[in-house]
């Protein structure tokens, strides 16, 4: 009798974008904030936040983070984004999340599907 094969779980890469700002009464330099943010991602969210890149938007006074999250579904993306935000809160508790979003990485077969956090 032939054996049924277990379904394989395929992980998809999602590109996430977060905009963080220091609390209004915090006088830290944005370069310092960006460095602390990257350090928090590398130590507290290692394995969840893949390839994080941090930059500074001086006009809006925010730190922008781009990273990759691997997940099998949109709900798993949101779960991992929650864990990443928790890691940022532990590593840089003075930051406020202004907005965040995630979308499937572009592939040759289909257009990216937005998933908002």
PDB file of N, CA and C in Angstrom:
ATOM      1  N   UNK A   1       0.849  -1.172   0.000  1.00  0.00           N
ATOM      2  CA  UNK A   1       0.000   0.000   0.000  1.00  0.00           C
ATOM      3  C   UNK A   1       0.900   1.241   0.000  1.00  0.00           C
ATOM      4  N   UNK A   2       0.694   2.181  -0.943  1.00  0.00           N
ATOM      5  CA  UNK A   2       1.557   3.366  -0.995  1.00  0.00           C
ATOM      6  C   UNK A   2       1.312   4.272   0.218  1.00  0.00           C
ATOM      7  N   UNK A   3       2.396   4.870   0.667  1.00  0.00           N
ATOM      8  CA  UNK A   3       2.313   5.793   1.810  1.00  0.00           C
ATOM      9  C   UNK A   3       2.001   7.196   1.314  1.00  0.00           C
ATOM     10  N   UNK A   4       1.165   7.875   2.062  1.00  0.00           N
ATOM     11  CA  UNK A   4       0.870   9.268   1.732  1.00  0.00           C
ATOM     12  C   UNK A   4       2.022  10.139   2.193  1.00  0.00           C
ATOM     13  N   UNK A   5       2.388  11.071   1.380  1.00  0.00           N
ATOM     14  CA  UNK A   5       3.462  11.980   1.750  1.00  0.00           C
ATOM     15  C   UNK A   5       2.910  13.107   2.598  1.00  0.00           C
ATOM     16  N   UNK A   6       3.708  13.494   3.585  1.00  0.00           N
ATOM     17  CA  UNK A   6       3.354  14.650   4.416  1.00  0.00           C
ATOM     18  C   UNK A   6       3.409  15.895   3.541  1.00  0.00           C
ATOM     19  N   UNK A   7       2.462  16.817   3.695  1.00  0.00           N
ATOM     20  CA  UNK A   7       2.548  18.061   2.922  1.00  0.00           C
ATOM     21  C   UNK A   7       3.773  18.856   3.355  1.00  0.00           C
ATOM     22  N   UNK A   8       4.444  19.417   2.381  1.00  0.00           N
ATOM     23  CA  UNK A   8       5.619  20.215   2.715  1.00  0.00           C
ATOM     24  C   UNK A   8       5.201  21.650   2.983  1.00  0.00           C
ATOM     25  N   UNK A   9       5.815  22.237   3.984  1.00  0.00           N
ATOM     26  CA  UNK A   9       5.527  23.616   4.342  1.00  0.00           C
ATOM     27  C   UNK A   9       6.532  24.507   3.633  1.00  0.00           C
ATOM     28  N   UNK A  10       6.035  25.427   2.856  1.00  0.00           N
ATOM     29  CA  UNK A  10       6.908  26.323   2.108  1.00  0.00           C
ATOM     30  C   UNK A  10       6.907  27.680   2.794  1.00  0.00           C
ATOM     31  N   UNK A  11       8.083  28.129   3.168  1.00  0.00           N
ATOM     32  CA  UNK A  11       8.204  29.453   3.776  1.00  0.00           C
ATOM     33  C   UNK A  11       8.386  30.483   2.676  1.00  0.00           C
ATOM     34  N   UNK A  12       7.733  31.599   2.861  1.00  0.00           N
ATOM     35  CA  UNK A  12       7.822  32.710   1.932  1.00  0.00           C
ATOM     36  C   UNK A  12       8.536  33.854   2.625  1.00  0.00           C
ATOM     37  N   UNK A  13       9.317  34.584   1.875  1.00  0.00           N
ATOM     38  CA  UNK A  13       9.974  35.762   2.435  1.00  0.00           C
ATOM     39  C   UNK A  13       9.043  36.962   2.333  1.00  0.00           C
ATOM     40  N   UNK A  14       8.913  37.673   3.442  1.00  0.00           N
ATOM     41  CA  UNK A  14       8.138  38.909   3.497  1.00  0.00           C
ATOM     42  C   UNK A  14       9.101  40.039   3.818  1.00  0.00           C
ATOM     43  N   UNK A  15       8.978  41.140   3.112  1.00  0.00           N
ATOM     44  CA  UNK A  15       9.782  42.324   3.393  1.00  0.00           C
ATOM     45  C   UNK A  15       8.988  43.207   4.355  1.00  0.00           C
ATOM     46  N   UNK A  16       9.595  43.550   5.462  1.00  0.00           N
ATOM     47  CA  UNK A  16       8.912  44.370   6.467  1.00  0.00           C
ATOM     48  C   UNK A  16       9.579  45.732   6.542  1.00  0.00           C
ATOM     49  N   UNK A  17       8.779  46.724   6.830  1.00  0.00           N
ATOM     50  CA  UNK A  17       9.250  48.098   6.973  1.00  0.00           C
ATOM     51  C   UNK A  17       8.632  48.674   8.240  1.00  0.00           C
ATOM     52  N   UNK A  18       9.479  49.210   9.121  1.00  0.00           N
ATOM     53  CA  UNK A  18       9.014  49.824  10.364  1.00  0.00           C
ATOM     54  C   UNK A  18       9.562  51.230  10.462  1.00  0.00           C
ATOM     55  N   UNK A  19       8.753  52.139  10.964  1.00  0.00           N
ATOM     56  CA  UNK A  19       9.193  53.499  11.247  1.00  0.00           C
ATOM     57  C   UNK A  19       9.075  53.708  12.753  1.00  0.00           C
ATOM     58  N   UNK A  20      10.201  53.998  13.388  1.00  0.00           N
ATOM     59  CA  UNK A  20      10.250  54.188  14.831  1.00  0.00           C
ATOM     60  C   UNK A  20      10.765  55.581  15.141  1.00  0.00           C
ATOM     61  N   UNK A  21      10.287  56.143  16.214  1.00  0.00           N
ATOM     62  CA  UNK A  21      10.731  57.472  16.633  1.00  0.00           C
ATOM     63  C   UNK A  21      10.983  57.446  18.132  1.00  0.00           C
ATOM     64  N   UNK A  22      11.949  58.244  18.588  1.00  0.00           N
ATOM     65  CA  UNK A  22      12.137  58.347  20.030  1.00  0.00           C
ATOM     66  C   UNK A  22      10.936  59.048  20.658  1.00  0.00           C
ATOM     67  N   UNK A  23      10.693  58.772  21.928  1.00  0.00           N
ATOM     68  CA  UNK A  23       9.616  59.466  22.635  1.00  0.00           C
ATOM     69  C   UNK A  23       9.846  60.968  22.521  1.00  0.00           C
ATOM     70  N   UNK A  24       8.767  61.752  22.520  1.00  0.00           N
ATOM     71  CA  UNK A  24       8.901  63.203  22.323  1.00  0.00           C
ATOM     72  C   UNK A  24       9.859  63.895  23.297  1.00  0.00           C
ATOM     73  N   UNK A  25       9.948  63.421  24.527  1.00  0.00           N
ATOM     74  CA  UNK A  25      10.819  64.074  25.506  1.00  0.00           C
ATOM     75  C   UNK A  25      12.224  63.474  25.540  1.00  0.00           C
ATOM     76  N   UNK A  26      12.535  62.565  24.608  1.00  0.00           N
ATOM     77  CA  UNK A  26      13.850  61.935  24.559  1.00  0.00           C
ATOM     78  C   UNK A  26      14.766  62.769  23.672  1.00  0.00           C
ATOM     79  N   UNK A  27      15.932  63.125  24.171  1.00  0.00           N
ATOM     80  CA  UNK A  27      16.833  63.985  23.395  1.00  0.00           C
ATOM     81  C   UNK A  27      17.998  63.220  22.766  1.00  0.00           C
ATOM     82  N   UNK A  28      17.861  61.917  22.621  1.00  0.00           N
ATOM     83  CA  UNK A  28      18.935  61.133  21.999  1.00  0.00           C
ATOM     84  C   UNK A  28      19.110  61.550  20.533  1.00  0.00           C
ATOM     85  N   UNK A  29      20.344  61.476  20.070  1.00  0.00           N
ATOM     86  CA  UNK A  29      20.675  61.718  18.672  1.00  0.00           C
ATOM     87  C   UNK A  29      20.132  60.557  17.836  1.00  0.00           C
ATOM     88  N   UNK A  30      19.600  60.836  16.648  1.00  0.00           N
ATOM     89  CA  UNK A  30      19.032  59.775  15.813  1.00  0.00           C
ATOM     90  C   UNK A  30      20.066  58.730  15.406  1.00  0.00           C
ATOM     91  N   UNK A  31      21.318  59.116  15.246  1.00  0.00           N
ATOM     92  CA  UNK A  31      22.364  58.138  14.924  1.00  0.00           C
ATOM     93  C   UNK A  31      22.524  57.150  16.077  1.00  0.00           C
ATOM     94  N   UNK A  32      22.466  57.635  17.302  1.00  0.00           N
ATOM     95  CA  UNK A  32      22.548  56.764  18.470  1.00  0.00           C
ATOM     96  C   UNK A  32      21.321  55.850  18.539  1.00  0.00           C
ATOM     97  N   UNK A  33      20.157  56.405  18.251  1.00  0.00           N
ATOM     98  CA  UNK A  33      18.923  55.626  18.250  1.00  0.00           C
ATOM     99  C   UNK A  33      19.005  54.512  17.208  1.00  0.00           C
ATOM    100  N   UNK A  34      19.493  54.837  16.014  1.00  0.00           N
ATOM    101  CA  UNK A  34      19.628  53.844  14.947  1.00  0.00           C
ATOM    102  C   UNK A  34      20.595  52.733  15.364  1.00  0.00           C
ATOM    103  N   UNK A  35      21.687  53.095  15.990  1.00  0.00           N
ATOM    104  CA  UNK A  35      22.662  52.097  16.438  1.00  0.00           C
ATOM    105  C   UNK A  35      22.059  51.183  17.508  1.00  0.00           C
ATOM    106  N   UNK A  36      21.352  51.756  18.469  1.00  0.00           N
ATOM    107  CA  UNK A  36      20.712  50.956  19.519  1.00  0.00           C
ATOM    108  C   UNK A  36      19.624  50.051  18.933  1.00  0.00           C
ATOM    109  N   UNK A  37      18.912  50.551  17.941  1.00  0.00           N
ATOM    110  CA  UNK A  37      17.869  49.773  17.285  1.00  0.00           C
ATOM    111  C   UNK A  37      18.460  48.566  16.572  1.00  0.00           C
ATOM    112  N   UNK A  38      19.524  48.777  15.808  1.00  0.00           N
ATOM    113  CA  UNK A  38      20.166  47.678  15.092  1.00  0.00           C
ATOM    114  C   UNK A  38      20.732  46.662  16.075  1.00  0.00           C
ATOM    115  N   UNK A  39      21.355  47.129  17.142  1.00  0.00           N
ATOM    116  CA  UNK A  39      21.911  46.222  18.164  1.00  0.00           C
ATOM    117  C   UNK A  39      20.786  45.382  18.784  1.00  0.00           C
ATOM    118  N   UNK A  40      19.651  46.013  19.079  1.00  0.00           N
ATOM    119  CA  UNK A  40      18.518  45.279  19.659  1.00  0.00           C
ATOM    120  C   UNK A  40      18.015  44.205  18.698  1.00  0.00           C
ATOM    121  N   UNK A  41      17.945  44.529  17.408  1.00  0.00           N
ATOM    122  CA  UNK A  41      17.505  43.538  16.421  1.00  0.00           C
ATOM    123  C   UNK A  41      18.480  42.371  16.336  1.00  0.00           C
ATOM    124  N   UNK A  42      19.766  42.675  16.363  1.00  0.00           N
ATOM    125  CA  UNK A  42      20.775  41.631  16.221  1.00  0.00           C
ATOM    126  C   UNK A  42      20.870  40.739  17.450  1.00  0.00           C
ATOM    127  N   UNK A  43      20.607  41.284  18.627  1.00  0.00           N
ATOM    128  CA  UNK A  43      20.734  40.477  19.847  1.00  0.00           C
ATOM    129  C   UNK A  43      19.405  39.879  20.295  1.00  0.00           C
ATOM    130  N   UNK A  44      18.353  40.672  20.275  1.00  0.00           N
ATOM    131  CA  UNK A  44      17.068  40.235  20.814  1.00  0.00           C
ATOM    132  C   UNK A  44      16.186  39.526  19.781  1.00  0.00           C
ATOM    133  N   UNK A  45      16.395  39.812  18.493  1.00  0.00           N
ATOM    134  CA  UNK A  45      15.529  39.235  17.462  1.00  0.00           C
ATOM    135  C   UNK A  45      16.319  38.430  16.432  1.00  0.00           C
ATOM    136  N   UNK A  46      17.477  37.921  16.823  1.00  0.00           N
ATOM    137  CA  UNK A  46      18.284  37.119  15.905  1.00  0.00           C
ATOM    138  C   UNK A  46      17.471  35.898  15.468  1.00  0.00           C
ATOM    139  N   UNK A  47      17.464  35.624  14.178  1.00  0.00           N
ATOM    140  CA  UNK A  47      16.708  34.503  13.650  1.00  0.00           C
ATOM    141  C   UNK A  47      15.286  34.872  13.227  1.00  0.00           C
ATOM    142  N   UNK A  48      14.752  35.964  13.758  1.00  0.00           N
ATOM    143  CA  UNK A  48      13.417  36.432  13.357  1.00  0.00           C
ATOM    144  C   UNK A  48      13.521  37.539  12.324  1.00  0.00           C
ATOM    145  N   UNK A  49      14.342  38.547  12.649  1.00  0.00           N
ATOM    146  CA  UNK A  49      14.555  39.696  11.770  1.00  0.00           C
ATOM    147  C   UNK A  49      15.781  39.393  10.922  1.00  0.00           C
ATOM    148  N   UNK A  50      15.567  39.000   9.684  1.00  0.00           N
ATOM    149  CA  UNK A  50      16.671  38.598   8.814  1.00  0.00           C
ATOM    150  C   UNK A  50      17.171  39.793   8.006  1.00  0.00           C
ATOM    151  N   UNK A  51      18.480  40.002   8.020  1.00  0.00           N
ATOM    152  CA  UNK A  51      19.095  41.060   7.223  1.00  0.00           C
ATOM    153  C   UNK A  51      18.608  42.455   7.520  1.00  0.00           C
ATOM    154  N   UNK A  52      18.487  42.833   8.797  1.00  0.00           N
ATOM    155  CA  UNK A  52      17.960  44.174   9.078  1.00  0.00           C
ATOM    156  C   UNK A  52      18.880  45.283   8.586  1.00  0.00           C
ATOM    157  N   UNK A  53      18.258  46.311   8.029  1.00  0.00           N
ATOM    158  CA  UNK A  53      18.962  47.511   7.589  1.00  0.00           C
ATOM    159  C   UNK A  53      18.273  48.690   8.259  1.00  0.00           C
ATOM    160  N   UNK A  54      19.064  49.560   8.848  1.00  0.00           N
ATOM    161  CA  UNK A  54      18.514  50.704   9.577  1.00  0.00           C
ATOM    162  C   UNK A  54      19.005  51.984   8.902  1.00  0.00           C
ATOM    163  N   UNK A  55      18.094  52.925   8.693  1.00  0.00           N
ATOM    164  CA  UNK A  55      18.487  54.236   8.172  1.00  0.00           C
ATOM    165  C   UNK A  55      17.711  55.312   8.918  1.00  0.00           C
ATOM    166  N   UNK A  56      18.123  56.544   8.715  1.00  0.00           N
ATOM    167  CA  UNK A  56      17.542  57.678   9.433  1.00  0.00           C
ATOM    168  C   UNK A  56      16.858  58.604   8.438  1.00  0.00           C
ATOM    169  N   UNK A  57      15.645  59.000   8.757  1.00  0.00           N
ATOM    170  CA  UNK A  57      14.928  60.013   7.979  1.00  0.00           C
ATOM    171  C   UNK A  57      14.943  61.285   8.817  1.00  0.00           C
ATOM    172  N   UNK A  58      15.839  62.204   8.472  1.00  0.00           N
ATOM    173  CA  UNK A  58      16.003  63.421   9.267  1.00  0.00           C
ATOM    174  C   UNK A  58      14.802  64.353   9.163  1.00  0.00           C
ATOM    175  N   UNK A  59      14.132  64.362   8.008  1.00  0.00           N
ATOM    176  CA  UNK A  59      12.968  65.233   7.844  1.00  0.00           C
ATOM    177  C   UNK A  59      11.830  64.837   8.787  1.00  0.00           C
ATOM    178  N   UNK A  60      11.578  63.541   8.884  1.00  0.00           N
ATOM    179  CA  UNK A  60      10.488  63.060   9.739  1.00  0.00           C
ATOM    180  C   UNK A  60      10.955  62.733  11.157  1.00  0.00           C
ATOM    181  N   UNK A  61      12.278  62.750  11.382  1.00  0.00           N
ATOM    182  CA  UNK A  61      12.892  62.390  12.665  1.00  0.00           C
ATOM    183  C   UNK A  61      12.472  60.989  13.108  1.00  0.00           C
ATOM    184  N   UNK A  62      12.685  60.035  12.189  1.00  0.00           N
ATOM    185  CA  UNK A  62      12.373  58.639  12.468  1.00  0.00           C
ATOM    186  C   UNK A  62      13.539  57.750  12.055  1.00  0.00           C
ATOM    187  N   UNK A  63      13.558  56.570  12.659  1.00  0.00           N
ATOM    188  CA  UNK A  63      14.474  55.518  12.259  1.00  0.00           C
ATOM    189  C   UNK A  63      13.656  54.528  11.444  1.00  0.00           C
ATOM    190  N   UNK A  64      14.125  54.237  10.238  1.00  0.00           N
ATOM    191  CA  UNK A  64      13.428  53.318   9.344  1.00  0.00           C
ATOM    192  C   UNK A  64      14.180  51.992   9.343  1.00  0.00           C
ATOM    193  N   UNK A  65      13.456  50.907   9.522  1.00  0.00           N
ATOM    194  CA  UNK A  65      14.051  49.573   9.544  1.00  0.00           C
ATOM    195  C   UNK A  65      13.440  48.756   8.419  1.00  0.00           C
ATOM    196  N   UNK A  66      14.299  48.164   7.603  1.00  0.00           N
ATOM    197  CA  UNK A  66      13.856  47.207   6.592  1.00  0.00           C
ATOM    198  C   UNK A  66      14.445  45.864   6.969  1.00  0.00           C
ATOM    199  N   UNK A  67      13.621  44.818   6.907  1.00  0.00           N
ATOM    200  CA  UNK A  67      14.097  43.481   7.248  1.00  0.00           C
ATOM    201  C   UNK A  67      13.262  42.442   6.538  1.00  0.00           C
ATOM    202  N   UNK A  68      13.725  41.212   6.581  1.00  0.00           N
ATOM    203  CA  UNK A  68      13.018  40.096   5.975  1.00  0.00           C
ATOM    204  C   UNK A  68      12.521  39.174   7.076  1.00  0.00           C
ATOM    205  N   UNK A  69      11.302  38.684   6.899  1.00  0.00           N
ATOM    206  CA  UNK A  69      10.714  37.704   7.805  1.00  0.00           C
ATOM    207  C   UNK A  69      10.301  36.513   6.963  1.00  0.00           C
ATOM    208  N   UNK A  70      10.705  35.312   7.365  1.00  0.00           N
ATOM    209  CA  UNK A  70      10.273  34.100   6.670  1.00  0.00           C
ATOM    210  C   UNK A  70       9.065  33.535   7.402  1.00  0.00           C
ATOM    211  N   UNK A  71       8.008  33.216   6.648  1.00  0.00           N
ATOM    212  CA  UNK A  71       6.789  32.697   7.257  1.00  0.00           C
ATOM    213  C   UNK A  71       6.014  31.869   6.245  1.00  0.00           C
ATOM    214  N   UNK A  72       5.118  31.040   6.763  1.00  0.00           N
ATOM    215  CA  UNK A  72       4.284  30.207   5.907  1.00  0.00           C
ATOM    216  C   UNK A  72       2.934  30.852   5.624  1.00  0.00           C
ATOM    217  N   UNK A  73       2.582  31.896   6.383  1.00  0.00           N
ATOM    218  CA  UNK A  73       1.284  32.542   6.196  1.00  0.00           C
ATOM    219  C   UNK A  73       1.346  33.982   6.699  1.00  0.00           C
ATOM    220  N   UNK A  74       0.340  34.756   6.331  1.00  0.00           N
ATOM    221  CA  UNK A  74       0.261  36.146   6.792  1.00  0.00           C
ATOM    222  C   UNK A  74       0.134  36.210   8.312  1.00  0.00           C
ATOM    223  N   UNK A  75      -0.610  35.268   8.904  1.00  0.00           N
ATOM    224  CA  UNK A  75      -0.757  35.282  10.369  1.00  0.00           C
ATOM    225  C   UNK A  75       0.574  35.020  11.058  1.00  0.00           C
ATOM    226  N   UNK A  76       1.410  34.167  10.468  1.00  0.00           N
ATOM    227  CA  UNK A  76       2.735  33.919  11.050  1.00  0.00           C
ATOM    228  C   UNK A  76       3.621  35.152  10.924  1.00  0.00           C
ATOM    229  N   UNK A  77       3.465  35.910   9.839  1.00  0.00           N
ATOM    230  CA  UNK A  77       4.208  37.160   9.689  1.00  0.00           C
ATOM    231  C   UNK A  77       3.861  38.104  10.832  1.00  0.00           C
ATOM    232  N   UNK A  78       2.561  38.258  11.100  1.00  0.00           N
ATOM    233  CA  UNK A  78       2.123  39.154  12.173  1.00  0.00           C
ATOM    234  C   UNK A  78       2.639  38.673  13.537  1.00  0.00           C
ATOM    235  N   UNK A  79       2.630  37.377  13.747  1.00  0.00           N
ATOM    236  CA  UNK A  79       3.145  36.834  15.001  1.00  0.00           C
ATOM    237  C   UNK A  79       4.627  37.171  15.143  1.00  0.00           C
ATOM    238  N   UNK A  80       5.397  36.963  14.088  1.00  0.00           N
ATOM    239  CA  UNK A  80       6.832  37.251  14.155  1.00  0.00           C
ATOM    240  C   UNK A  80       7.089  38.750  14.283  1.00  0.00           C
ATOM    241  N   UNK A  81       6.276  39.569  13.599  1.00  0.00           N
ATOM    242  CA  UNK A  81       6.437  41.020  13.739  1.00  0.00           C
ATOM    243  C   UNK A  81       6.190  41.442  15.189  1.00  0.00           C
ATOM    244  N   UNK A  82       5.218  40.822  15.842  1.00  0.00           N
ATOM    245  CA  UNK A  82       4.975  41.100  17.256  1.00  0.00           C
ATOM    246  C   UNK A  82       6.174  40.739  18.118  1.00  0.00           C
ATOM    247  N   UNK A  83       6.804  39.610  17.827  1.00  0.00           N
ATOM    248  CA  UNK A  83       8.001  39.208  18.571  1.00  0.00           C
ATOM    249  C   UNK A  83       9.162  40.177  18.315  1.00  0.00           C
ATOM    250  N   UNK A  84       9.281  40.631  17.072  1.00  0.00           N
ATOM    251  CA  UNK A  84      10.339  41.589  16.731  1.00  0.00           C
ATOM    252  C   UNK A  84      10.101  42.913  17.446  1.00  0.00           C
ATOM    253  N   UNK A  85       8.858  43.374  17.457  1.00  0.00           N
ATOM    254  CA  UNK A  85       8.548  44.625  18.170  1.00  0.00           C
ATOM    255  C   UNK A  85       8.807  44.471  19.665  1.00  0.00           C
ATOM    256  N   UNK A  86       8.493  43.314  20.222  1.00  0.00           N
ATOM    257  CA  UNK A  86       8.796  43.055  21.628  1.00  0.00           C
ATOM    258  C   UNK A  86      10.289  43.112  21.896  1.00  0.00           C
ATOM    259  N   UNK A  87      11.085  42.568  20.977  1.00  0.00           N
ATOM    260  CA  UNK A  87      12.542  42.621  21.110  1.00  0.00           C
ATOM    261  C   UNK A  87      13.038  44.058  21.060  1.00  0.00           C
ATOM    262  N   UNK A  88      12.450  44.861  20.176  1.00  0.00           N
ATOM    263  CA  UNK A  88      12.841  46.279  20.097  1.00  0.00           C
ATOM    264  C   UNK A  88      12.462  47.020  21.377  1.00  0.00           C
ATOM    265  N   UNK A  89      11.309  46.704  21.945  1.00  0.00           N
ATOM    266  CA  UNK A  89      10.897  47.347  23.200  1.00  0.00           C
ATOM    267  C   UNK A  89      11.851  47.006  24.339  1.00  0.00           C
ATOM    268  N   UNK A  90      12.352  45.770  24.356  1.00  0.00           N
ATOM    269  CA  UNK A  90      13.322  45.387  25.395  1.00  0.00           C
ATOM    270  C   UNK A  90      14.670  46.064  25.174  1.00  0.00           C
ATOM    271  N   UNK A  91      15.101  46.126  23.911  1.00  0.00           N
ATOM    272  CA  UNK A  91      16.424  46.664  23.609  1.00  0.00           C
ATOM    273  C   UNK A  91      16.475  48.178  23.508  1.00  0.00           C
ATOM    274  N   UNK A  92      15.366  48.801  23.180  1.00  0.00           N
ATOM    275  CA  UNK A  92      15.297  50.261  23.016  1.00  0.00           C
ATOM    276  C   UNK A  92      13.926  50.730  23.494  1.00  0.00           C
ATOM    277  N   UNK A  93      13.692  50.701  24.808  1.00  0.00           N
ATOM    278  CA  UNK A  93      12.348  50.984  25.336  1.00  0.00           C
ATOM    279  C   UNK A  93      11.855  52.412  25.126  1.00  0.00           C
ATOM    280  N   UNK A  94      12.716  53.294  24.674  1.00  0.00           N
ATOM    281  CA  UNK A  94      12.347  54.696  24.471  1.00  0.00           C
ATOM    282  C   UNK A  94      11.773  54.946  23.077  1.00  0.00           C
ATOM    283  N   UNK A  95      11.637  53.897  22.250  1.00  0.00           N
ATOM    284  CA  UNK A  95      11.135  54.055  20.888  1.00  0.00           C
ATOM    285  C   UNK A  95       9.628  53.870  20.813  1.00  0.00           C
ATOM    286  N   UNK A  96       9.014  54.622  19.933  1.00  0.00           N
ATOM    287  CA  UNK A  96       7.586  54.495  19.648  1.00  0.00           C
ATOM    288  C   UNK A  96       7.429  54.066  18.201  1.00  0.00           C
ATOM    289  N   UNK A  97       6.578  53.096  17.952  1.00  0.00           N
ATOM    290  CA  UNK A  97       6.316  52.639  16.591  1.00  0.00           C
ATOM    291  C   UNK A  97       5.340  53.606  15.945  1.00  0.00           C
ATOM    292  N   UNK A  98       5.753  54.197  14.824  1.00  0.00           N
ATOM    293  CA  UNK A  98       4.851  55.080  14.086  1.00  0.00           C
ATOM    294  C   UNK A  98       4.019  54.299  13.084  1.00  0.00           C
ATOM    295  N   UNK A  99       4.635  53.369  12.372  1.00  0.00           N
ATOM    296  CA  UNK A  99       3.890  52.499  11.474  1.00  0.00           C
ATOM    297  C   UNK A  99       4.759  51.322  11.078  1.00  0.00           C
ATOM    298  N   UNK A 100       4.107  50.289  10.564  1.00  0.00           N
ATOM    299  CA  UNK A 100       4.823  49.107  10.091  1.00  0.00           C
ATOM    300  C   UNK A 100       3.990  48.448   9.003  1.00  0.00           C
ATOM    301  N   UNK A 101       4.668  47.758   8.095  1.00  0.00           N
ATOM    302  CA  UNK A 101       3.970  47.017   7.045  1.00  0.00           C
ATOM    303  C   UNK A 101       4.873  45.888   6.577  1.00  0.00           C
ATOM    304  N   UNK A 102       4.265  44.907   5.942  1.00  0.00           N
ATOM    305  CA  UNK A 102       5.016  43.791   5.377  1.00  0.00           C
ATOM    306  C   UNK A 102       4.336  43.373   4.088  1.00  0.00           C
ATOM    307  N   UNK A 103       5.139  42.919   3.139  1.00  0.00           N
ATOM    308  CA  UNK A 103       4.587  42.416   1.887  1.00  0.00           C
ATOM    309  C   UNK A 103       5.441  41.257   1.403  1.00  0.00           C
ATOM    310  N   UNK A 104       4.827  40.384   0.647  1.00  0.00           N
ATOM    311  CA  UNK A 104       5.567  39.243   0.097  1.00  0.00           C
ATOM    312  C   UNK A 104       6.692  39.765  -0.783  1.00  0.00           C
ATOM    313  N   UNK A 105       7.825  39.084  -0.710  1.00  0.00           N
ATOM    314  CA  UNK A 105       8.926  39.448  -1.594  1.00  0.00           C
ATOM    315  C   UNK A 105       8.496  39.214  -3.025  1.00  0.00           C
ATOM    316  N   UNK A 106       8.878  40.106  -3.927  1.00  0.00           N
ATOM    317  CA  UNK A 106       8.481  39.928  -5.333  1.00  0.00           C
ATOM    318  C   UNK A 106       9.021  38.608  -5.887  1.00  0.00           C
ATOM    319  N   UNK A 107       8.200  37.927  -6.652  1.00  0.00           N
ATOM    320  CA  UNK A 107       8.656  36.714  -7.322  1.00  0.00           C
ATOM    321  C   UNK A 107       8.308  36.844  -8.803  1.00  0.00           C
ATOM    322  N   UNK A 108       8.807  35.943  -9.572  1.00  0.00           N
ATOM    323  CA  UNK A 108       8.535  35.986 -11.002  1.00  0.00           C
ATOM    324  C   UNK A 108       7.105  35.582 -11.315  1.00  0.00           C
ATOM    325  N   UNK A 109       6.473  34.788 -10.430  1.00  0.00           N
ATOM    326  CA  UNK A 109       5.150  34.274 -10.714  1.00  0.00           C
ATOM    327  C   UNK A 109       4.024  35.218 -10.331  1.00  0.00           C
ATOM    328  N   UNK A 110       4.220  36.055  -9.307  1.00  0.00           N
ATOM    329  CA  UNK A 110       3.086  36.863  -8.855  1.00  0.00           C
ATOM    330  C   UNK A 110       3.553  38.203  -8.316  1.00  0.00           C
ATOM    331  N   UNK A 111       2.605  39.107  -8.212  1.00  0.00           N
ATOM    332  CA  UNK A 111       2.859  40.419  -7.642  1.00  0.00           C
ATOM    333  C   UNK A 111       2.880  40.324  -6.124  1.00  0.00           C
ATOM    334  N   UNK A 112       3.590  41.242  -5.430  1.00  0.00           N
ATOM    335  CA  UNK A 112       3.595  41.227  -3.974  1.00  0.00           C
ATOM    336  C   UNK A 112       2.190  41.452  -3.412  1.00  0.00           C
ATOM    337  N   UNK A 113       1.892  40.747  -2.342  1.00  0.00           N
ATOM    338  CA  UNK A 113       0.596  40.893  -1.669  1.00  0.00           C
ATOM    339  C   UNK A 113       0.814  41.606  -0.353  1.00  0.00           C
ATOM    340  N   UNK A 114       0.300  42.824  -0.159  1.00  0.00           N
ATOM    341  CA  UNK A 114       0.543  43.560   1.080  1.00  0.00           C
ATOM    342  C   UNK A 114      -0.082  42.869   2.284  1.00  0.00           C
ATOM    343  N   UNK A 115       0.626  42.931   3.407  1.00  0.00           N
ATOM    344  CA  UNK A 115       0.132  42.429   4.678  1.00  0.00           C
ATOM    345  C   UNK A 115       0.481  43.501   5.692  1.00  0.00           C
ATOM    346  N   UNK A 116      -0.503  44.186   6.234  1.00  0.00           N
ATOM    347  CA  UNK A 116      -0.243  45.300   7.117  1.00  0.00           C
ATOM    348  C   UNK A 116      -0.283  44.883   8.573  1.00  0.00           C
ATOM    349  N   UNK A 117       0.700  45.389   9.346  1.00  0.00           N
ATOM    350  CA  UNK A 117       0.761  45.085  10.778  1.00  0.00           C
ATOM    351  C   UNK A 117       0.226  46.243  11.570  1.00  0.00           C
TER     352      UNK A 117
END
